[in-house]
Amino acid sequence: YMNPTQDAFLGCMLRDRWATVDGKTYWFTSDGSMAEGWYQ
């Protein structure tokens, strides 16, 4: 997921962070990939 916010980080890959997209919550891992299944 590439940051859609119109700020200095527009287009940056999200890493090691939560993100809410269209009302749903996701976790993006250290390599930027979306977490699936059980994840700590």
PDB file of all heavy atoms in Angstrom:
ATOM      1  N   TYR A   1       0.847  -1.196   0.000  1.00  0.00           N
ATOM      2  CA  TYR A   1       0.000   0.000   0.000  1.00  0.00           C
ATOM      3  C   TYR A   1       0.884   1.248   0.000  1.00  0.00           C
ATOM      4  O   TYR A   1       1.721   1.429   0.878  1.00  0.00           O
ATOM      5  CB  TYR A   1      -0.928   0.010   1.209  1.00  0.00           C
ATOM      6  CG  TYR A   1      -2.046   1.013   1.112  1.00  0.00           C
ATOM      7  CD1 TYR A   1      -3.096   0.828   0.218  1.00  0.00           C
ATOM      8  CD2 TYR A   1      -2.069   2.151   1.901  1.00  0.00           C
ATOM      9  CE1 TYR A   1      -4.131   1.737   0.112  1.00  0.00           C
ATOM     10  CE2 TYR A   1      -3.097   3.076   1.799  1.00  0.00           C
ATOM     11  CZ  TYR A   1      -4.128   2.856   0.895  1.00  0.00           C
ATOM     12  OH  TYR A   1      -5.157   3.766   0.787  1.00  0.00           O
ATOM     13  N   MET A   2       0.669   2.099  -1.003  1.00  0.00           N
ATOM     14  CA  MET A   2       1.455   3.307  -1.178  1.00  0.00           C
ATOM     15  C   MET A   2       0.656   4.497  -0.648  1.00  0.00           C
ATOM     16  O   MET A   2      -0.498   4.707  -1.045  1.00  0.00           O
ATOM     17  CB  MET A   2       1.812   3.515  -2.658  1.00  0.00           C
ATOM     18  CG  MET A   2       2.188   2.222  -3.401  1.00  0.00           C
ATOM     19  SD  MET A   2       3.487   1.241  -2.602  1.00  0.00           S
ATOM     20  CE  MET A   2       4.932   2.213  -3.000  1.00  0.00           C
ATOM     21  N   ASN A   3       1.267   5.248   0.233  1.00  0.00           N
ATOM     22  CA  ASN A   3       0.599   6.320   0.964  1.00  0.00           C
ATOM     23  C   ASN A   3      -0.166   7.275   0.035  1.00  0.00           C
ATOM     24  O   ASN A   3       0.432   7.923  -0.828  1.00  0.00           O
ATOM     25  CB  ASN A   3       1.642   7.116   1.764  1.00  0.00           C
ATOM     26  CG  ASN A   3       1.021   8.242   2.566  1.00  0.00           C
ATOM     27  OD1 ASN A   3      -0.127   8.162   2.971  1.00  0.00           O
ATOM     28  ND2 ASN A   3       1.789   9.294   2.785  1.00  0.00           N
ATOM     29  N   PRO A   4      -1.520   7.385   0.221  1.00  0.00           N
ATOM     30  CA  PRO A   4      -2.296   8.273  -0.651  1.00  0.00           C
ATOM     31  C   PRO A   4      -2.446   9.678  -0.098  1.00  0.00           C
ATOM     32  O   PRO A   4      -3.043  10.541  -0.748  1.00  0.00           O
ATOM     33  CB  PRO A   4      -3.659   7.570  -0.697  1.00  0.00           C
ATOM     34  CG  PRO A   4      -3.789   6.960   0.669  1.00  0.00           C
ATOM     35  CD  PRO A   4      -2.374   6.563   1.089  1.00  0.00           C
ATOM     36  N   THR A   5      -1.925   9.939   1.107  1.00  0.00           N
ATOM     37  CA  THR A   5      -2.098  11.238   1.748  1.00  0.00           C
ATOM     38  C   THR A   5      -1.258  12.300   1.043  1.00  0.00           C
ATOM     39  O   THR A   5      -0.083  12.083   0.756  1.00  0.00           O
ATOM     40  CB  THR A   5      -1.707  11.172   3.227  1.00  0.00           C
ATOM     41  OG1 THR A   5      -2.442  10.119   3.862  1.00  0.00           O
ATOM     42  CG2 THR A   5      -2.002  12.489   3.928  1.00  0.00           C
ATOM     43  N   GLN A   6      -1.878  13.446   0.789  1.00  0.00           N
ATOM     44  CA  GLN A   6      -1.170  14.529   0.104  1.00  0.00           C
ATOM     45  C   GLN A   6      -0.241  15.245   1.080  1.00  0.00           C
ATOM     46  O   GLN A   6      -0.531  16.324   1.587  1.00  0.00           O
ATOM     47  CB  GLN A   6      -2.180  15.510  -0.500  1.00  0.00           C
ATOM     48  CG  GLN A   6      -3.077  14.907  -1.559  1.00  0.00           C
ATOM     49  CD  GLN A   6      -2.338  14.622  -2.855  1.00  0.00           C
ATOM     50  OE1 GLN A   6      -1.373  15.289  -3.180  1.00  0.00           O
ATOM     51  NE2 GLN A   6      -2.809  13.636  -3.613  1.00  0.00           N
ATOM     52  N   ASP A   7       0.893  14.629   1.353  1.00  0.00           N
ATOM     53  CA  ASP A   7       1.883  15.242   2.229  1.00  0.00           C
ATOM     54  C   ASP A   7       3.275  14.902   1.702  1.00  0.00           C
ATOM     55  O   ASP A   7       3.429  14.438   0.567  1.00  0.00           O
ATOM     56  CB  ASP A   7       1.706  14.787   3.683  1.00  0.00           C
ATOM     57  CG  ASP A   7       1.790  13.274   3.846  1.00  0.00           C
ATOM     58  OD1 ASP A   7       2.342  12.598   2.940  1.00  0.00           O
ATOM     59  OD2 ASP A   7       1.317  12.755   4.868  1.00  0.00           O
ATOM     60  N   ALA A   8       4.303  15.138   2.535  1.00  0.00           N
ATOM     61  CA  ALA A   8       5.681  14.911   2.084  1.00  0.00           C
ATOM     62  C   ALA A   8       5.961  13.449   1.776  1.00  0.00           C
ATOM     63  O   ALA A   8       6.953  13.134   1.112  1.00  0.00           O
ATOM     64  CB  ALA A   8       6.655  15.428   3.141  1.00  0.00           C
ATOM     65  N   PHE A   9       5.106  12.536   2.259  1.00  0.00           N
ATOM     66  CA  PHE A   9       5.328  11.099   2.061  1.00  0.00           C
ATOM     67  C   PHE A   9       4.336  10.504   1.060  1.00  0.00           C
ATOM     68  O   PHE A   9       4.088   9.308   1.064  1.00  0.00           O
ATOM     69  CB  PHE A   9       5.234  10.364   3.402  1.00  0.00           C
ATOM     70  CG  PHE A   9       6.278  10.812   4.395  1.00  0.00           C
ATOM     71  CD1 PHE A   9       5.970  11.716   5.389  1.00  0.00           C
ATOM     72  CD2 PHE A   9       7.575  10.349   4.287  1.00  0.00           C
ATOM     73  CE1 PHE A   9       6.928  12.133   6.293  1.00  0.00           C
ATOM     74  CE2 PHE A   9       8.552  10.761   5.184  1.00  0.00           C
ATOM     75  CZ  PHE A   9       8.229  11.669   6.184  1.00  0.00           C
ATOM     76  N   LEU A  10       3.779  11.335   0.197  1.00  0.00           N
ATOM     77  CA  LEU A  10       2.868  10.847  -0.833  1.00  0.00           C
ATOM     78  C   LEU A  10       3.545   9.767  -1.666  1.00  0.00           C
ATOM     79  O   LEU A  10       4.651   9.937  -2.161  1.00  0.00           O
ATOM     80  CB  LEU A  10       2.439  12.001  -1.737  1.00  0.00           C
ATOM     81  CG  LEU A  10       1.547  11.637  -2.925  1.00  0.00           C
ATOM     82  CD1 LEU A  10       0.184  11.183  -2.444  1.00  0.00           C
ATOM     83  CD2 LEU A  10       1.414  12.813  -3.890  1.00  0.00           C
ATOM     84  N   GLY A  11       2.872   8.618  -1.818  1.00  0.00           N
ATOM     85  CA  GLY A  11       3.377   7.539  -2.648  1.00  0.00           C
ATOM     86  C   GLY A  11       4.363   6.612  -1.985  1.00  0.00           C
ATOM     87  O   GLY A  11       4.772   5.613  -2.588  1.00  0.00           O
ATOM     88  N   CYS A  12       4.768   6.907  -0.717  1.00  0.00           N
ATOM     89  CA  CYS A  12       5.724   6.037  -0.024  1.00  0.00           C
ATOM     90  C   CYS A  12       5.064   4.720   0.374  1.00  0.00           C
ATOM     91  O   CYS A  12       3.911   4.685   0.797  1.00  0.00           O
ATOM     92  CB  CYS A  12       6.251   6.721   1.241  1.00  0.00           C
ATOM     93  SG  CYS A  12       7.205   8.206   0.944  1.00  0.00           S
ATOM     94  N   MET A  13       5.817   3.617   0.285  1.00  0.00           N
ATOM     95  CA  MET A  13       5.331   2.327   0.748  1.00  0.00           C
ATOM     96  C   MET A  13       5.169   2.355   2.266  1.00  0.00           C
ATOM     97  O   MET A  13       6.045   2.833   2.988  1.00  0.00           O
ATOM     98  CB  MET A  13       6.305   1.217   0.353  1.00  0.00           C
ATOM     99  CG  MET A  13       5.899  -0.164   0.871  1.00  0.00           C
ATOM    100  SD  MET A  13       7.239  -1.369   0.715  1.00  0.00           S
ATOM    101  CE  MET A  13       7.270  -1.572  -1.058  1.00  0.00           C
ATOM    102  N   LEU A  14       4.034   1.843   2.770  1.00  0.00           N
ATOM    103  CA  LEU A  14       3.826   1.740   4.210  1.00  0.00           C
ATOM    104  C   LEU A  14       4.543   0.512   4.741  1.00  0.00           C
ATOM    105  O   LEU A  14       4.422  -0.582   4.186  1.00  0.00           O
ATOM    106  CB  LEU A  14       2.328   1.656   4.524  1.00  0.00           C
ATOM    107  CG  LEU A  14       1.453   2.828   4.073  1.00  0.00           C
ATOM    108  CD1 LEU A  14       0.044   2.667   4.638  1.00  0.00           C
ATOM    109  CD2 LEU A  14       2.033   4.160   4.480  1.00  0.00           C
ATOM    110  N   ARG A  15       5.272   0.688   5.848  1.00  0.00           N
ATOM    111  CA  ARG A  15       5.992  -0.414   6.481  1.00  0.00           C
ATOM    112  C   ARG A  15       5.805  -0.334   7.990  1.00  0.00           C
ATOM    113  O   ARG A  15       5.795   0.754   8.575  1.00  0.00           O
ATOM    114  CB  ARG A  15       7.491  -0.333   6.194  1.00  0.00           C
ATOM    115  CG  ARG A  15       7.929  -0.665   4.782  1.00  0.00           C
ATOM    116  CD  ARG A  15       9.455  -0.778   4.752  1.00  0.00           C
ATOM    117  NE  ARG A  15       9.970  -1.177   3.457  1.00  0.00           N
ATOM    118  CZ  ARG A  15      10.460  -0.327   2.573  1.00  0.00           C
ATOM    119  NH1 ARG A  15      10.471   0.964   2.855  1.00  0.00           N
ATOM    120  NH2 ARG A  15      10.935  -0.756   1.424  1.00  0.00           N
ATOM    121  N   ASP A  16       5.700  -1.539   8.638  1.00  0.00           N
ATOM    122  CA  ASP A  16       5.619  -1.620  10.100  1.00  0.00           C
ATOM    123  C   ASP A  16       4.609  -0.641  10.665  1.00  0.00           C
ATOM    124  O   ASP A  16       4.892   0.102  11.605  1.00  0.00           O
ATOM    125  CB  ASP A  16       6.994  -1.342  10.727  1.00  0.00           C
ATOM    126  CG  ASP A  16       7.868  -2.583  10.741  1.00  0.00           C
ATOM    127  OD1 ASP A  16       7.322  -3.691  10.872  1.00  0.00           O
ATOM    128  OD2 ASP A  16       9.093  -2.430  10.608  1.00  0.00           O
ATOM    129  N   ARG A  17       3.413  -0.657  10.140  1.00  0.00           N
ATOM    130  CA  ARG A  17       2.403   0.273  10.649  1.00  0.00           C
ATOM    131  C   ARG A  17       0.996  -0.191  10.282  1.00  0.00           C
ATOM    132  O   ARG A  17       0.788  -0.971   9.354  1.00  0.00           O
ATOM    133  CB  ARG A  17       2.631   1.680  10.112  1.00  0.00           C
ATOM    134  CG  ARG A  17       2.615   1.788   8.606  1.00  0.00           C
ATOM    135  CD  ARG A  17       2.634   3.244   8.157  1.00  0.00           C
ATOM    136  NE  ARG A  17       1.360   3.900   8.473  1.00  0.00           N
ATOM    137  CZ  ARG A  17       1.088   5.166   8.128  1.00  0.00           C
ATOM    138  NH1 ARG A  17       2.001   5.886   7.514  1.00  0.00           N
ATOM    139  NH2 ARG A  17      -0.082   5.693   8.406  1.00  0.00           N
ATOM    140  N   TRP A  18       0.054   0.335  11.083  1.00  0.00           N
ATOM    141  CA  TRP A  18      -1.357   0.102  10.809  1.00  0.00           C
ATOM    142  C   TRP A  18      -1.829   1.109   9.766  1.00  0.00           C
ATOM    143  O   TRP A  18      -1.301   2.206   9.640  1.00  0.00           O
ATOM    144  CB  TRP A  18      -2.188   0.289  12.075  1.00  0.00           C
ATOM    145  CG  TRP A  18      -1.925  -0.693  13.166  1.00  0.00           C
ATOM    146  CD1 TRP A  18      -1.162  -0.514  14.280  1.00  0.00           C
ATOM    147  CD2 TRP A  18      -2.452  -2.026  13.259  1.00  0.00           C
ATOM    148  NE1 TRP A  18      -1.154  -1.635  15.057  1.00  0.00           N
ATOM    149  CE2 TRP A  18      -1.948  -2.593  14.458  1.00  0.00           C
ATOM    150  CE3 TRP A  18      -3.277  -2.799  12.449  1.00  0.00           C
ATOM    151  CZ2 TRP A  18      -2.262  -3.879  14.866  1.00  0.00           C
ATOM    152  CZ3 TRP A  18      -3.592  -4.082  12.853  1.00  0.00           C
ATOM    153  CH2 TRP A  18      -3.086  -4.616  14.050  1.00  0.00           C
ATOM    154  N   ALA A  19      -2.875   0.737   9.056  1.00  0.00           N
ATOM    155  CA  ALA A  19      -3.514   1.663   8.125  1.00  0.00           C
ATOM    156  C   ALA A  19      -4.985   1.288   8.005  1.00  0.00           C
ATOM    157  O   ALA A  19      -5.334   0.097   7.985  1.00  0.00           O
ATOM    158  CB  ALA A  19      -2.844   1.634   6.757  1.00  0.00           C
ATOM    159  N   THR A  20      -5.836   2.295   7.967  1.00  0.00           N
ATOM    160  CA  THR A  20      -7.263   2.084   7.747  1.00  0.00           C
ATOM    161  C   THR A  20      -7.593   2.507   6.327  1.00  0.00           C
ATOM    162  O   THR A  20      -7.341   3.650   5.930  1.00  0.00           O
ATOM    163  CB  THR A  20      -8.095   2.899   8.747  1.00  0.00           C
ATOM    164  OG1 THR A  20      -7.766   2.487  10.081  1.00  0.00           O
ATOM    165  CG2 THR A  20      -9.585   2.678   8.507  1.00  0.00           C
ATOM    166  N   VAL A  21      -8.135   1.579   5.564  1.00  0.00           N
ATOM    167  CA  VAL A  21      -8.471   1.818   4.170  1.00  0.00           C
ATOM    168  C   VAL A  21      -9.931   1.449   3.955  1.00  0.00           C
ATOM    169  O   VAL A  21     -10.326   0.304   4.205  1.00  0.00           O
ATOM    170  CB  VAL A  21      -7.568   0.998   3.219  1.00  0.00           C
ATOM    171  CG1 VAL A  21      -7.900   1.327   1.765  1.00  0.00           C
ATOM    172  CG2 VAL A  21      -6.098   1.261   3.510  1.00  0.00           C
ATOM    173  N   ASP A  22     -10.731   2.418   3.531  1.00  0.00           N
ATOM    174  CA  ASP A  22     -12.165   2.185   3.293  1.00  0.00           C
ATOM    175  C   ASP A  22     -12.835   1.564   4.515  1.00  0.00           C
ATOM    176  O   ASP A  22     -13.667   0.651   4.398  1.00  0.00           O
ATOM    177  CB  ASP A  22     -12.382   1.293   2.069  1.00  0.00           C
ATOM    178  CG  ASP A  22     -11.902   1.947   0.790  1.00  0.00           C
ATOM    179  OD1 ASP A  22     -11.940   3.187   0.702  1.00  0.00           O
ATOM    180  OD2 ASP A  22     -11.478   1.211  -0.117  1.00  0.00           O
ATOM    181  N   GLY A  23     -12.451   2.046   5.715  1.00  0.00           N
ATOM    182  CA  GLY A  23     -13.099   1.613   6.946  1.00  0.00           C
ATOM    183  C   GLY A  23     -12.591   0.305   7.521  1.00  0.00           C
ATOM    184  O   GLY A  23     -13.060  -0.126   8.573  1.00  0.00           O
ATOM    185  N   LYS A  24     -11.609  -0.338   6.878  1.00  0.00           N
ATOM    186  CA  LYS A  24     -11.063  -1.599   7.365  1.00  0.00           C
ATOM    187  C   LYS A  24      -9.594  -1.411   7.751  1.00  0.00           C
ATOM    188  O   LYS A  24      -8.895  -0.590   7.164  1.00  0.00           O
ATOM    189  CB  LYS A  24     -11.219  -2.702   6.322  1.00  0.00           C
ATOM    190  CG  LYS A  24     -12.683  -3.031   6.020  1.00  0.00           C
ATOM    191  CD  LYS A  24     -12.806  -4.138   4.986  1.00  0.00           C
ATOM    192  CE  LYS A  24     -14.275  -4.453   4.709  1.00  0.00           C
ATOM    193  NZ  LYS A  24     -14.424  -5.534   3.702  1.00  0.00           N
ATOM    194  N   THR A  25      -9.150  -2.206   8.741  1.00  0.00           N
ATOM    195  CA  THR A  25      -7.813  -2.025   9.300  1.00  0.00           C
ATOM    196  C   THR A  25      -6.860  -3.106   8.812  1.00  0.00           C
ATOM    197  O   THR A  25      -7.203  -4.298   8.791  1.00  0.00           O
ATOM    198  CB  THR A  25      -7.872  -2.034  10.835  1.00  0.00           C
ATOM    199  OG1 THR A  25      -8.776  -1.015  11.273  1.00  0.00           O
ATOM    200  CG2 THR A  25      -6.504  -1.772  11.438  1.00  0.00           C
ATOM    201  N   TYR A  26      -5.645  -2.676   8.450  1.00  0.00           N
ATOM    202  CA  TYR A  26      -4.623  -3.579   7.913  1.00  0.00           C
ATOM    203  C   TYR A  26      -3.309  -3.348   8.654  1.00  0.00           C
ATOM    204  O   TYR A  26      -3.068  -2.272   9.216  1.00  0.00           O
ATOM    205  CB  TYR A  26      -4.403  -3.321   6.416  1.00  0.00           C
ATOM    206  CG  TYR A  26      -5.638  -3.476   5.565  1.00  0.00           C
ATOM    207  CD1 TYR A  26      -6.568  -2.428   5.485  1.00  0.00           C
ATOM    208  CD2 TYR A  26      -5.892  -4.632   4.844  1.00  0.00           C
ATOM    209  CE1 TYR A  26      -7.706  -2.566   4.700  1.00  0.00           C
ATOM    210  CE2 TYR A  26      -7.027  -4.765   4.058  1.00  0.00           C
ATOM    211  CZ  TYR A  26      -7.926  -3.727   3.996  1.00  0.00           C
ATOM    212  OH  TYR A  26      -9.050  -3.854   3.223  1.00  0.00           O
ATOM    213  N   TRP A  27      -2.439  -4.386   8.645  1.00  0.00           N
ATOM    214  CA  TRP A  27      -1.082  -4.229   9.137  1.00  0.00           C
ATOM    215  C   TRP A  27      -0.118  -4.514   7.997  1.00  0.00           C
ATOM    216  O   TRP A  27      -0.249  -5.507   7.285  1.00  0.00           O
ATOM    217  CB  TRP A  27      -0.795  -5.177  10.301  1.00  0.00           C
ATOM    218  CG  TRP A  27       0.646  -5.135  10.737  1.00  0.00           C
ATOM    219  CD1 TRP A  27       1.634  -6.018  10.422  1.00  0.00           C
ATOM    220  CD2 TRP A  27       1.260  -4.137  11.546  1.00  0.00           C
ATOM    221  NE1 TRP A  27       2.820  -5.647  10.977  1.00  0.00           N
ATOM    222  CE2 TRP A  27       2.631  -4.478  11.688  1.00  0.00           C
ATOM    223  CE3 TRP A  27       0.809  -2.974  12.172  1.00  0.00           C
ATOM    224  CZ2 TRP A  27       3.525  -3.716  12.418  1.00  0.00           C
ATOM    225  CZ3 TRP A  27       1.702  -2.212  12.910  1.00  0.00           C
ATOM    226  CH2 TRP A  27       3.036  -2.586  13.027  1.00  0.00           C
ATOM    227  N   PHE A  28       0.849  -3.588   7.831  1.00  0.00           N
ATOM    228  CA  PHE A  28       1.850  -3.760   6.786  1.00  0.00           C
ATOM    229  C   PHE A  28       3.192  -4.069   7.437  1.00  0.00           C
ATOM    230  O   PHE A  28       3.644  -3.356   8.323  1.00  0.00           O
ATOM    231  CB  PHE A  28       1.915  -2.519   5.904  1.00  0.00           C
ATOM    232  CG  PHE A  28       0.637  -2.318   5.144  1.00  0.00           C
ATOM    233  CD1 PHE A  28      -0.356  -1.489   5.635  1.00  0.00           C
ATOM    234  CD2 PHE A  28       0.411  -2.994   3.956  1.00  0.00           C
ATOM    235  CE1 PHE A  28      -1.554  -1.325   4.957  1.00  0.00           C
ATOM    236  CE2 PHE A  28      -0.780  -2.845   3.263  1.00  0.00           C
ATOM    237  CZ  PHE A  28      -1.765  -2.009   3.774  1.00  0.00           C
ATOM    238  N   THR A  29       3.795  -5.158   7.015  1.00  0.00           N
ATOM    239  CA  THR A  29       4.971  -5.719   7.666  1.00  0.00           C
ATOM    240  C   THR A  29       6.224  -4.898   7.359  1.00  0.00           C
ATOM    241  O   THR A  29       6.175  -3.894   6.640  1.00  0.00           O
ATOM    242  CB  THR A  29       5.178  -7.170   7.207  1.00  0.00           C
ATOM    243  OG1 THR A  29       5.511  -7.159   5.809  1.00  0.00           O
ATOM    244  CG2 THR A  29       3.903  -7.980   7.408  1.00  0.00           C
ATOM    245  N   SER A  30       7.372  -5.362   7.877  1.00  0.00           N
ATOM    246  CA  SER A  30       8.627  -4.630   7.706  1.00  0.00           C
ATOM    247  C   SER A  30       9.070  -4.542   6.250  1.00  0.00           C
ATOM    248  O   SER A  30       9.784  -3.623   5.866  1.00  0.00           O
ATOM    249  CB  SER A  30       9.735  -5.281   8.538  1.00  0.00           C
ATOM    250  OG  SER A  30       9.922  -6.634   8.148  1.00  0.00           O
ATOM    251  N   ASP A  31       8.643  -5.513   5.409  1.00  0.00           N
ATOM    252  CA  ASP A  31       8.986  -5.419   3.978  1.00  0.00           C
ATOM    253  C   ASP A  31       7.878  -4.751   3.170  1.00  0.00           C
ATOM    254  O   ASP A  31       7.950  -4.678   1.940  1.00  0.00           O
ATOM    255  CB  ASP A  31       9.319  -6.798   3.403  1.00  0.00           C
ATOM    256  CG  ASP A  31       8.119  -7.734   3.360  1.00  0.00           C
ATOM    257  OD1 ASP A  31       7.004  -7.299   3.741  1.00  0.00           O
ATOM    258  OD2 ASP A  31       8.286  -8.897   2.959  1.00  0.00           O
ATOM    259  N   GLY A  32       6.845  -4.252   3.866  1.00  0.00           N
ATOM    260  CA  GLY A  32       5.766  -3.526   3.220  1.00  0.00           C
ATOM    261  C   GLY A  32       4.595  -4.369   2.783  1.00  0.00           C
ATOM    262  O   GLY A  32       3.558  -3.827   2.391  1.00  0.00           O
ATOM    263  N   SER A  33       4.719  -5.697   2.841  1.00  0.00           N
ATOM    264  CA  SER A  33       3.626  -6.545   2.387  1.00  0.00           C
ATOM    265  C   SER A  33       2.498  -6.575   3.408  1.00  0.00           C
ATOM    266  O   SER A  33       2.717  -6.449   4.618  1.00  0.00           O
ATOM    267  CB  SER A  33       4.125  -7.957   2.109  1.00  0.00           C
ATOM    268  OG  SER A  33       4.664  -8.537   3.283  1.00  0.00           O
ATOM    269  N   MET A  34       1.292  -6.756   2.944  1.00  0.00           N
ATOM    270  CA  MET A  34       0.113  -6.816   3.794  1.00  0.00           C
ATOM    271  C   MET A  34       0.093  -8.125   4.583  1.00  0.00           C
ATOM    272  O   MET A  34       0.296  -9.200   4.027  1.00  0.00           O
ATOM    273  CB  MET A  34      -1.139  -6.707   2.917  1.00  0.00           C
ATOM    274  CG  MET A  34      -2.470  -6.800   3.632  1.00  0.00           C
ATOM    275  SD  MET A  34      -3.837  -6.853   2.445  1.00  0.00           S
ATOM    276  CE  MET A  34      -3.663  -8.548   1.819  1.00  0.00           C
ATOM    277  N   ALA A  35      -0.123  -8.036   5.904  1.00  0.00           N
ATOM    278  CA  ALA A  35      -0.185  -9.230   6.752  1.00  0.00           C
ATOM    279  C   ALA A  35      -1.442 -10.035   6.441  1.00  0.00           C
ATOM    280  O   ALA A  35      -2.503  -9.473   6.169  1.00  0.00           O
ATOM    281  CB  ALA A  35      -0.154  -8.828   8.216  1.00  0.00           C
ATOM    282  N   GLU A  36      -1.315 -11.366   6.513  1.00  0.00           N
ATOM    283  CA  GLU A  36      -2.453 -12.266   6.326  1.00  0.00           C
ATOM    284  C   GLU A  36      -2.351 -13.388   7.344  1.00  0.00           C
ATOM    285  O   GLU A  36      -1.250 -13.800   7.741  1.00  0.00           O
ATOM    286  CB  GLU A  36      -2.466 -12.837   4.906  1.00  0.00           C
ATOM    287  CG  GLU A  36      -2.625 -11.791   3.823  1.00  0.00           C
ATOM    288  CD  GLU A  36      -2.698 -12.399   2.425  1.00  0.00           C
ATOM    289  OE1 GLU A  36      -3.707 -13.049   2.118  1.00  0.00           O
ATOM    290  OE2 GLU A  36      -1.728 -12.232   1.660  1.00  0.00           O
ATOM    291  N   GLY A  37      -3.521 -13.916   7.763  1.00  0.00           N
ATOM    292  CA  GLY A  37      -3.542 -14.980   8.759  1.00  0.00           C
ATOM    293  C   GLY A  37      -3.173 -14.454  10.134  1.00  0.00           C
ATOM    294  O   GLY A  37      -3.318 -13.263  10.435  1.00  0.00           O
ATOM    295  N   TRP A  38      -2.691 -15.353  11.013  1.00  0.00           N
ATOM    296  CA  TRP A  38      -2.273 -14.927  12.353  1.00  0.00           C
ATOM    297  C   TRP A  38      -0.949 -14.184  12.274  1.00  0.00           C
ATOM    298  O   TRP A  38      -0.016 -14.622  11.611  1.00  0.00           O
ATOM    299  CB  TRP A  38      -2.137 -16.130  13.269  1.00  0.00           C
ATOM    300  CG  TRP A  38      -3.454 -16.732  13.665  1.00  0.00           C
ATOM    301  CD1 TRP A  38      -3.999 -17.881  13.191  1.00  0.00           C
ATOM    302  CD2 TRP A  38      -4.383 -16.195  14.605  1.00  0.00           C
ATOM    303  NE1 TRP A  38      -5.226 -18.110  13.763  1.00  0.00           N
ATOM    304  CE2 TRP A  38      -5.488 -17.087  14.647  1.00  0.00           C
ATOM    305  CE3 TRP A  38      -4.409 -15.068  15.410  1.00  0.00           C
ATOM    306  CZ2 TRP A  38      -6.592 -16.877  15.464  1.00  0.00           C
ATOM    307  CZ3 TRP A  38      -5.511 -14.847  16.228  1.00  0.00           C
ATOM    308  CH2 TRP A  38      -6.587 -15.743  16.251  1.00  0.00           C
ATOM    309  N   TYR A  39      -0.878 -13.037  12.974  1.00  0.00           N
ATOM    310  CA  TYR A  39       0.336 -12.230  12.927  1.00  0.00           C
ATOM    311  C   TYR A  39       0.486 -11.477  14.250  1.00  0.00           C
ATOM    312  O   TYR A  39      -0.487 -10.936  14.779  1.00  0.00           O
ATOM    313  CB  TYR A  39       0.262 -11.230  11.770  1.00  0.00           C
ATOM    314  CG  TYR A  39       1.618 -10.752  11.304  1.00  0.00           C
ATOM    315  CD1 TYR A  39       2.304 -11.434  10.305  1.00  0.00           C
ATOM    316  CD2 TYR A  39       2.221  -9.632  11.864  1.00  0.00           C
ATOM    317  CE1 TYR A  39       3.547 -11.009   9.864  1.00  0.00           C
ATOM    318  CE2 TYR A  39       3.472  -9.211  11.441  1.00  0.00           C
ATOM    319  CZ  TYR A  39       4.123  -9.899  10.440  1.00  0.00           C
ATOM    320  OH  TYR A  39       5.356  -9.478  10.010  1.00  0.00           O
ATOM    321  N   GLN A  40       1.715 -11.459  14.771  1.00  0.00           N
ATOM    322  CA  GLN A  40       1.967 -10.798  16.045  1.00  0.00           C
ATOM    323  C   GLN A  40       2.454  -9.362  15.818  1.00  0.00           C
ATOM    324  O   GLN A  40       3.388  -9.125  15.061  1.00  0.00           O
ATOM    325  CB  GLN A  40       3.009 -11.561  16.869  1.00  0.00           C
ATOM    326  CG  GLN A  40       3.157 -11.043  18.301  1.00  0.00           C
ATOM    327  CD  GLN A  40       4.148 -11.866  19.104  1.00  0.00           C
ATOM    328  OE1 GLN A  40       5.118 -12.390  18.547  1.00  0.00           O
ATOM    329  NE2 GLN A  40       3.912 -12.004  20.401  1.00  0.00           N
TER     330      GLN A  40
END
